[in-house]
Protein backbone atom coordinates (compact mmCIF):
# COMPACT_ATOMS: atom_id res chain seq x y z
CA MET A 1 -154.29 -30.67 168.76
CA HIS A 2 -154.34 -30.90 172.52
CA ILE A 3 -150.96 -30.91 174.23
CA ARG A 4 -151.74 -34.27 175.83
CA ASP A 5 -152.46 -35.79 172.44
CA LEU A 6 -149.30 -34.21 171.04
CA ILE A 7 -147.15 -35.75 173.79
CA GLY A 8 -148.84 -39.11 173.28
CA GLU A 9 -148.18 -39.06 169.55
CA SER A 10 -144.55 -38.06 170.10
CA VAL A 11 -143.93 -40.80 172.65
CA ALA A 12 -145.61 -43.32 170.35
CA GLY A 13 -143.39 -42.18 167.50
CA MET A 14 -140.29 -42.73 169.66
CA LEU A 15 -141.41 -46.15 170.88
CA ALA A 16 -142.39 -47.29 167.39
CA ARG A 17 -138.69 -47.65 166.57
CA PRO A 18 -137.07 -48.37 169.96
CA VAL A 19 -133.67 -49.46 168.66
CA ARG A 20 -133.26 -46.39 166.48
CA SER A 21 -134.47 -44.12 169.29
CA ALA A 22 -132.05 -45.75 171.72
CA LEU A 23 -129.10 -45.32 169.35
CA THR A 24 -130.09 -41.71 168.69
CA THR A 25 -130.36 -41.08 172.43
CA LEU A 26 -126.92 -42.63 172.88
CA GLY A 27 -125.33 -39.77 170.95
CA THR A 28 -126.83 -37.24 173.36
CA VAL A 29 -125.89 -39.42 176.32
CA LEU A 30 -122.26 -39.46 175.21
CA GLY A 31 -122.23 -35.72 174.60
CA ILE A 32 -123.82 -34.79 177.94
CA THR A 33 -121.69 -37.36 179.80
CA THR A 34 -118.53 -35.93 178.25
CA LEU A 35 -119.63 -32.41 179.12
CA VAL A 36 -120.43 -33.26 182.75
CA VAL A 37 -117.27 -35.34 183.19
CA THR A 38 -114.99 -32.73 181.69
CA LEU A 39 -116.44 -29.86 183.72
CA GLY A 40 -116.57 -31.93 186.90
CA VAL A 41 -113.05 -33.31 186.54
CA ALA A 42 -111.75 -29.87 185.53
CA ALA A 43 -113.22 -28.30 188.67
CA THR A 44 -111.90 -31.12 190.85
CA ALA A 45 -108.45 -31.04 189.25
CA GLY A 46 -108.39 -27.26 189.48
CA ASN A 47 -109.09 -27.51 193.19
CA GLN A 48 -106.15 -29.89 193.58
CA ILE A 49 -103.90 -27.55 191.59
CA VAL A 50 -104.94 -24.66 193.80
CA GLY A 51 -104.28 -26.69 196.94
CA ARG A 52 -100.80 -27.68 195.82
CA PHE A 53 -100.06 -24.14 194.69
CA ASP A 54 -101.07 -22.78 198.07
CA GLU A 55 -99.16 -25.48 199.95
CA LEU A 56 -95.87 -25.26 198.03
CA VAL A 57 -95.72 -21.60 197.05
CA ALA A 58 -97.92 -19.52 199.31
CA THR A 59 -96.16 -20.70 202.49
CA ALA A 60 -92.53 -20.03 201.56
CA ILE A 61 -90.80 -16.87 202.78
CA THR A 62 -87.20 -15.81 202.30
CA VAL A 63 -85.56 -13.08 204.37
CA GLU A 64 -82.55 -11.53 202.64
CA VAL A 65 -79.88 -10.22 205.01
CA PRO A 66 -77.51 -7.58 203.58
CA GLU A 67 -73.88 -7.31 204.61
CA SER A 68 -73.07 -5.09 207.55
CA PRO A 69 -69.58 -3.58 208.05
CA ASN A 70 -69.90 -3.39 211.83
CA LYS A 71 -71.68 -6.45 213.19
CA PRO A 72 -73.95 -9.07 211.62
CA LEU A 73 -77.57 -8.01 211.34
CA VAL A 74 -78.82 -11.54 212.05
CA THR A 75 -77.04 -13.95 214.36
CA TRP A 76 -77.12 -17.70 213.99
CA ASP A 77 -79.27 -18.19 217.07
CA ALA A 78 -81.91 -15.71 215.84
CA VAL A 79 -83.70 -18.55 214.06
CA ASP A 80 -84.76 -19.89 217.45
CA ARG A 81 -86.71 -16.67 218.11
CA LEU A 82 -88.32 -16.90 214.70
CA THR A 83 -89.59 -20.44 215.21
CA ARG A 84 -91.47 -19.30 218.32
CA LEU A 85 -93.82 -17.22 216.20
CA ARG A 86 -97.24 -18.73 215.75
CA GLY A 87 -97.61 -19.91 212.16
CA VAL A 88 -93.93 -20.76 211.53
CA GLU A 89 -93.48 -24.44 210.74
CA SER A 90 -89.73 -24.48 210.05
CA ALA A 91 -86.86 -22.08 209.52
CA ALA A 92 -83.15 -22.20 208.81
CA ALA A 93 -80.38 -19.64 208.45
CA VAL A 94 -77.99 -19.93 205.50
CA ALA A 95 -74.67 -18.27 204.77
CA GLU A 96 -73.13 -18.15 201.32
CA SER A 97 -70.61 -15.92 199.63
CA LYS A 98 -69.05 -15.41 196.24
CA GLU A 99 -65.86 -17.10 197.40
CA SER A 100 -67.70 -20.25 198.47
CA THR A 101 -69.78 -20.78 195.34
CA ASN A 102 -67.01 -22.42 193.32
CA LEU A 103 -64.71 -24.35 195.62
CA SER A 104 -62.77 -27.45 194.61
CA VAL A 105 -64.18 -30.50 196.32
CA ARG A 106 -62.82 -34.01 195.88
CA SER A 107 -63.71 -37.33 197.37
CA ASN A 108 -60.16 -38.63 197.99
CA ASP A 109 -56.69 -37.29 198.59
CA ILE A 110 -55.10 -39.14 195.66
CA VAL A 111 -54.41 -37.22 192.50
CA ASP A 112 -55.13 -39.51 189.56
CA PRO A 113 -54.67 -37.87 186.12
CA THR A 114 -56.83 -40.55 184.49
CA ARG A 115 -59.93 -39.79 186.61
CA VAL A 116 -61.91 -36.68 187.35
CA THR A 117 -62.05 -36.68 191.13
CA THR A 118 -62.39 -32.93 191.71
CA GLN A 119 -65.65 -31.00 191.35
CA ASN A 120 -66.34 -27.30 191.71
CA LEU A 121 -69.24 -27.08 194.13
CA SER A 122 -70.90 -24.49 196.32
CA VAL A 123 -70.22 -24.65 200.05
CA LEU A 124 -72.85 -23.22 202.40
CA ALA A 125 -73.08 -22.91 206.16
CA THR A 126 -76.48 -23.52 207.69
CA THR A 127 -78.37 -24.30 210.86
CA PRO A 128 -79.72 -27.79 211.64
CA GLY A 129 -83.27 -26.99 210.49
CA LEU A 130 -82.37 -26.79 206.81
CA PRO A 131 -83.91 -30.11 205.62
CA GLU A 132 -87.36 -29.05 206.84
CA ALA A 133 -86.92 -25.45 205.63
CA ALA A 134 -85.89 -26.65 202.16
CA ARG A 135 -88.73 -29.19 202.16
CA GLY A 136 -86.36 -32.08 201.62
CA ARG A 137 -85.23 -35.11 203.54
CA ILE A 138 -82.07 -36.92 204.49
CA VAL A 139 -81.92 -39.90 202.12
CA GLN A 140 -78.87 -41.36 203.89
CA GLY A 141 -77.24 -40.73 207.24
CA ARG A 142 -78.24 -37.70 209.30
CA PHE A 143 -77.97 -33.93 209.43
CA PHE A 144 -75.54 -32.24 211.80
CA ASP A 145 -76.96 -30.98 215.08
CA THR A 146 -76.09 -28.39 217.72
CA GLY A 147 -73.53 -30.76 219.21
CA HIS A 148 -71.52 -30.78 215.98
CA ILE A 149 -71.77 -27.00 215.81
CA GLN A 150 -70.63 -26.40 219.39
CA ARG A 151 -67.72 -28.81 219.10
CA GLY A 152 -66.67 -27.45 215.72
CA ASP A 153 -66.69 -30.93 214.16
CA ARG A 154 -65.48 -31.15 210.57
CA VAL A 155 -68.61 -32.77 209.23
CA ALA A 156 -70.58 -32.11 206.07
CA VAL A 157 -73.89 -32.97 204.44
CA ILE A 158 -73.93 -33.09 200.65
CA GLY A 159 -76.79 -32.92 198.15
CA ASP A 160 -77.82 -36.06 196.32
CA GLN A 161 -76.51 -34.76 192.97
CA ALA A 162 -73.22 -33.71 194.57
CA ALA A 163 -72.92 -37.22 196.03
CA LYS A 164 -73.24 -38.70 192.54
CA MET A 165 -70.66 -36.29 191.17
CA LEU A 166 -68.20 -37.16 193.94
CA GLY A 167 -68.94 -40.89 193.84
CA VAL A 168 -70.21 -41.04 197.43
CA THR A 169 -72.75 -43.87 197.57
CA ARG A 170 -72.38 -45.26 201.10
CA LEU A 171 -71.96 -43.62 204.49
CA ASP A 172 -71.39 -46.65 206.69
CA ARG A 173 -67.63 -46.30 206.33
CA ALA A 174 -67.63 -42.57 207.16
CA PRO A 175 -66.35 -41.30 203.80
CA ALA A 176 -64.55 -38.00 203.70
CA ILE A 177 -64.46 -35.20 201.16
CA PHE A 178 -61.66 -32.70 200.82
CA ILE A 179 -62.35 -28.99 200.55
CA GLY A 180 -59.00 -27.42 199.94
CA LYS A 181 -56.50 -29.15 202.21
CA HIS A 182 -58.92 -30.17 204.93
CA ALA A 183 -60.99 -33.34 205.15
CA TYR A 184 -64.63 -33.34 206.21
CA THR A 185 -66.58 -36.44 207.17
CA VAL A 186 -69.79 -36.88 205.20
CA ILE A 187 -72.53 -37.77 207.66
CA GLY A 188 -75.60 -37.31 205.45
CA ILE A 189 -77.00 -36.92 201.95
CA LEU A 190 -79.83 -34.44 201.36
CA GLY A 191 -82.39 -35.10 198.62
CA ASP A 192 -86.03 -34.83 197.49
CA LEU A 193 -85.86 -31.05 197.65
CA ARG A 194 -89.03 -29.16 196.79
CA ARG A 195 -87.48 -25.81 197.64
CA GLU A 196 -83.94 -24.53 197.07
CA ARG A 197 -83.21 -27.25 194.53
CA ASN A 198 -79.74 -25.81 193.99
CA LEU A 199 -78.79 -27.40 197.32
CA SER A 200 -78.74 -30.79 195.58
CA THR A 201 -75.32 -29.86 194.17
CA ALA A 202 -73.99 -28.13 197.29
CA VAL A 203 -71.96 -29.02 200.36
CA LEU A 204 -73.48 -27.99 203.69
CA VAL A 205 -71.31 -27.45 206.75
CA PRO A 206 -71.93 -26.18 210.31
CA PRO A 207 -71.50 -22.42 210.89
CA THR A 208 -68.43 -22.97 213.09
CA VAL A 209 -66.72 -24.73 210.18
CA GLY A 210 -68.05 -22.39 207.51
CA SER A 211 -66.11 -19.48 208.92
CA GLN A 212 -63.01 -20.97 207.25
CA PHE A 213 -64.61 -20.19 203.87
CA GLY A 214 -65.78 -16.70 204.75
CA LEU A 215 -69.25 -17.94 205.80
CA ARG A 216 -69.42 -16.05 209.07
CA ASP A 217 -72.61 -14.03 208.70
CA VAL A 218 -76.13 -15.13 207.83
CA THR A 219 -77.09 -14.01 204.34
CA ARG A 220 -80.66 -15.31 204.17
CA VAL A 221 -83.25 -17.13 206.23
CA LEU A 222 -85.65 -19.70 204.80
CA VAL A 223 -89.06 -19.81 206.48
CA ASN A 224 -92.03 -22.11 205.96
CA THR A 225 -95.38 -21.08 207.38
CA THR A 226 -98.78 -22.63 207.78
CA LEU A 227 -101.29 -21.96 205.04
CA GLY A 228 -102.59 -18.41 205.31
CA ALA A 229 -99.93 -17.17 207.72
CA ALA A 230 -97.36 -16.00 205.17
CA GLY A 231 -98.49 -12.35 205.17
CA LEU A 232 -98.44 -12.12 208.96
CA ILE A 233 -95.05 -13.84 209.34
CA ALA A 234 -93.58 -11.67 206.56
CA GLY A 235 -94.30 -8.63 208.70
CA GLN A 236 -93.06 -10.15 211.96
CA ALA A 237 -89.96 -12.01 210.76
CA PRO A 238 -87.59 -9.00 210.43
CA THR A 239 -88.35 -7.88 213.99
CA ALA A 240 -87.87 -11.38 215.37
CA LEU A 241 -84.56 -11.86 213.55
CA SER A 242 -83.07 -8.42 214.13
CA PRO A 243 -85.09 -6.25 216.55
CA GLY A 244 -82.89 -3.20 216.15
CA ASN A 245 -82.42 -3.39 212.37
CA ALA A 246 -85.68 -4.84 211.10
CA ASP A 247 -86.02 -2.17 208.41
CA MET A 248 -82.72 -3.26 206.81
CA LEU A 249 -83.92 -6.80 206.12
CA GLN A 250 -85.70 -7.58 202.88
CA VAL A 251 -88.56 -10.07 202.99
CA VAL A 252 -89.49 -11.96 199.85
CA SER A 253 -93.02 -13.21 200.48
CA PRO A 254 -95.23 -15.09 198.00
CA PRO A 255 -97.74 -13.02 196.02
CA SER A 256 -101.43 -13.56 196.49
CA PRO A 257 -102.34 -16.74 194.61
CA THR A 258 -105.92 -15.64 193.95
CA ARG A 259 -105.39 -14.27 190.44
CA ALA A 260 -103.05 -17.05 189.31
CA ARG A 261 -105.38 -19.65 190.81
CA ASP A 262 -108.45 -18.24 189.08
CA GLN A 263 -106.68 -17.94 185.75
CA ALA A 264 -105.39 -21.51 185.92
CA GLN A 265 -108.82 -22.86 186.82
CA ASP A 266 -110.51 -20.78 184.11
CA ASP A 267 -108.05 -22.04 181.50
CA VAL A 268 -108.64 -25.65 182.50
CA ASN A 269 -112.41 -25.17 182.48
CA ALA A 270 -112.34 -23.48 179.09
CA LEU A 271 -110.29 -26.29 177.56
CA PHE A 272 -112.53 -29.05 178.84
CA LEU A 273 -115.67 -27.07 178.04
CA ILE A 274 -114.63 -26.89 174.39
CA LEU A 275 -114.08 -30.64 174.31
CA GLY A 276 -117.47 -31.26 175.89
CA LEU A 277 -119.24 -28.93 173.47
CA VAL A 278 -117.63 -30.70 170.51
CA SER A 279 -119.00 -34.01 171.79
CA LEU A 280 -122.40 -32.40 172.29
CA VAL A 281 -122.41 -31.07 168.73
CA VAL A 282 -121.68 -34.58 167.47
CA GLY A 283 -124.72 -35.83 169.38
CA ALA A 284 -126.86 -33.03 167.95
CA ILE A 285 -125.84 -33.93 164.42
CA GLY A 286 -126.83 -37.53 165.13
CA ILE A 287 -130.28 -36.46 166.32
CA ALA A 288 -130.75 -34.21 163.28
CA ASN A 289 -129.79 -36.99 160.86
CA VAL A 290 -132.02 -39.60 162.47
CA THR A 291 -134.95 -37.17 162.74
CA LEU A 292 -134.56 -36.26 159.08
CA VAL A 293 -134.52 -39.92 158.07
CA THR A 294 -137.62 -40.47 160.21
CA VAL A 295 -139.39 -37.64 158.42
CA MET A 296 -138.59 -39.15 155.02
CA GLU A 297 -139.83 -42.57 156.14
CA ARG A 298 -143.08 -41.14 157.51
CA VAL A 299 -144.04 -39.07 154.48
CA PRO A 300 -147.28 -41.07 153.90
CA GLU A 301 -148.19 -40.63 157.56
CA ILE A 302 -147.58 -36.89 157.32
CA GLY A 303 -149.72 -36.69 154.18
CA LEU A 304 -152.55 -38.61 155.83
CA ARG A 305 -152.48 -36.38 158.91
CA ARG A 306 -152.56 -33.25 156.74
CA ALA A 307 -155.43 -34.67 154.68
CA LEU A 308 -157.40 -35.35 157.88
CA GLY A 309 -157.04 -31.75 159.02
CA ALA A 310 -153.71 -31.49 160.84
CA ALA A 311 -152.16 -28.04 160.43
CA ARG A 312 -148.52 -27.39 159.58
CA ARG A 313 -147.84 -26.35 163.17
CA HIS A 314 -149.16 -29.67 164.42
CA ILE A 315 -146.76 -31.65 162.22
CA ALA A 316 -143.82 -29.40 163.16
CA ALA A 317 -144.67 -29.58 166.87
CA GLN A 318 -144.86 -33.38 166.78
CA PHE A 319 -141.38 -33.83 165.31
CA LEU A 320 -139.92 -31.06 167.45
CA LEU A 321 -141.31 -32.69 170.56
CA GLU A 322 -139.94 -36.10 169.53
CA SER A 323 -136.42 -34.73 169.06
CA THR A 324 -136.70 -32.74 172.32
CA LEU A 325 -137.77 -35.84 174.24
CA ILE A 326 -134.81 -37.75 172.78
CA GLY A 327 -132.45 -34.97 173.85
CA LEU A 328 -134.02 -34.70 177.31
CA THR A 329 -133.77 -38.46 177.88
CA GLY A 330 -130.14 -38.42 176.78
CA GLY A 331 -129.46 -35.43 179.02
CA VAL A 332 -130.87 -37.11 182.12
CA ILE A 333 -128.96 -40.33 181.50
CA GLY A 334 -125.78 -38.49 180.51
CA ALA A 335 -125.87 -36.26 183.59
CA SER A 336 -126.30 -39.27 185.87
CA VAL A 337 -123.48 -41.22 184.22
CA GLY A 338 -121.23 -38.15 184.20
CA LEU A 339 -121.65 -37.50 187.93
CA VAL A 340 -120.88 -41.15 188.69
CA VAL A 341 -117.73 -40.97 186.55
CA VAL A 342 -116.56 -37.77 188.30
CA VAL A 343 -116.97 -39.39 191.71
CA ALA A 344 -115.20 -42.56 190.52
CA VAL A 345 -112.24 -40.62 189.08
CA SER A 346 -111.95 -38.54 192.26
CA ALA A 347 -112.02 -41.66 194.41
CA ALA A 348 -109.35 -43.34 192.27
CA LYS A 349 -107.10 -40.26 192.52
CA GLN A 350 -107.97 -39.68 196.20
CA TRP A 351 -109.30 -36.23 195.37
CA THR A 352 -112.24 -34.39 196.86
CA PRO A 353 -114.92 -34.27 194.13
CA LEU A 354 -116.47 -30.91 193.37
CA LEU A 355 -120.03 -31.41 192.12
CA ASP A 356 -122.00 -28.35 191.09
CA ALA A 357 -125.75 -28.80 191.57
CA ARG A 358 -126.37 -26.32 188.77
CA LEU A 359 -124.49 -28.60 186.38
CA ALA A 360 -126.71 -31.57 187.28
CA ILE A 361 -129.80 -29.46 186.59
CA ALA A 362 -128.48 -27.74 183.47
CA ALA A 363 -127.29 -30.94 181.76
CA PRO A 364 -130.79 -32.37 181.05
CA VAL A 365 -131.96 -28.91 179.97
CA ALA A 366 -128.97 -28.69 177.62
CA GLY A 367 -129.86 -32.10 176.20
CA ALA A 368 -133.45 -30.96 175.58
CA VAL A 369 -132.25 -27.75 173.90
CA VAL A 370 -129.86 -29.72 171.72
CA GLY A 371 -132.66 -32.06 170.71
CA LEU A 372 -134.95 -29.11 169.99
CA LEU A 373 -132.39 -27.37 167.78
CA ALA A 374 -131.43 -30.61 166.05
CA GLY A 375 -135.06 -31.35 165.16
CA LEU A 376 -135.84 -27.84 163.94
CA TYR A 377 -134.92 -28.36 160.27
CA PRO A 378 -136.51 -31.83 159.91
CA ALA A 379 -139.69 -30.55 161.59
CA LEU A 380 -139.92 -27.53 159.28
CA ARG A 381 -139.34 -29.76 156.28
CA ALA A 382 -142.12 -32.07 157.39
CA ALA A 383 -144.46 -29.13 157.98
CA ARG A 384 -143.86 -27.75 154.46
CA MET A 385 -145.03 -30.97 152.76
CA GLU A 386 -148.26 -30.69 150.78
CA PRO A 387 -150.83 -33.41 151.52
CA VAL A 388 -151.25 -34.39 147.85
CA ASP A 389 -147.49 -34.71 147.27
CA ALA A 390 -147.03 -36.64 150.51
CA LEU A 391 -149.82 -39.11 149.70
CA ARG A 392 -148.58 -39.53 146.15
């Protein structure tokens, strides 16, 4: 049988039962669509995960400053030199000590045995750039500035969780908190922290006030860099902060995100690939069942073709080609629908879609292969029929 005649017979066999062929093709369409959507969405989502990982983790540097018996290794104004480095977005110096991590803080000066008005909170001294360095924001009021520091004003900024614990909800009346015997005016509430989340339960005071709690020397510096500049700034920060004692400072820089990024994306791809393959197997089973039913319905036709001289390979090739054409049609439609769905999901989530051209080409081929494998058993069964038995 000529290949042109074989294709014509296969197409005629498909079109002879258009509804059944369409429903059979639908199984492959769903399987290929699921496969394309899952792989496309997984790649797009993985790209977003990588971007957020790089933005939130790969740009954060912490410089640990050890205690020095003679003079402080890092002065409070050293942060200004650090921010001049190209690639530094924000930085803040912080001082904390063991004595200041569990101080009694209360929101009023009245001792009421029936109410819990005293909380044990951490008190830290910091420079004005802390909200940006901690990737947070002032939800109420303001942060203290250099004027408060130079004047030695007794002001404080508290974390949002500390404000709830102390019952501070409004700042328009200049509420005060009491640390020990001294009152401090609360001028701001810090919240929405994406770094140093422990600051949500802390009290922040200017360095000139923090000296009363032993917070005289800088103990660490928080630095945020632009994407890709963390390695460079990690090497330059100690020299900028303490030119004569750079080797005594310890820099905690983020590790390279390449391995973690690749592993996370591979895990996501593997998960969605399994789901897509399961859907594809379901479509293959549908093709196999329908092709087998078609073979049983066309037994007289098979017997007549064999009686007129058709060889076993001709019968097998006809049914294999029919199932392959069904799979190929489903693959083309499924790939097109899947790509549209990936773009639509990305647009709804405001993501940048990642579309692999190889996936668009491989999906129809995968559909054809699925159809070929699904029609293998029915085609062999049809080819093994004897003409006399089939006609009978």
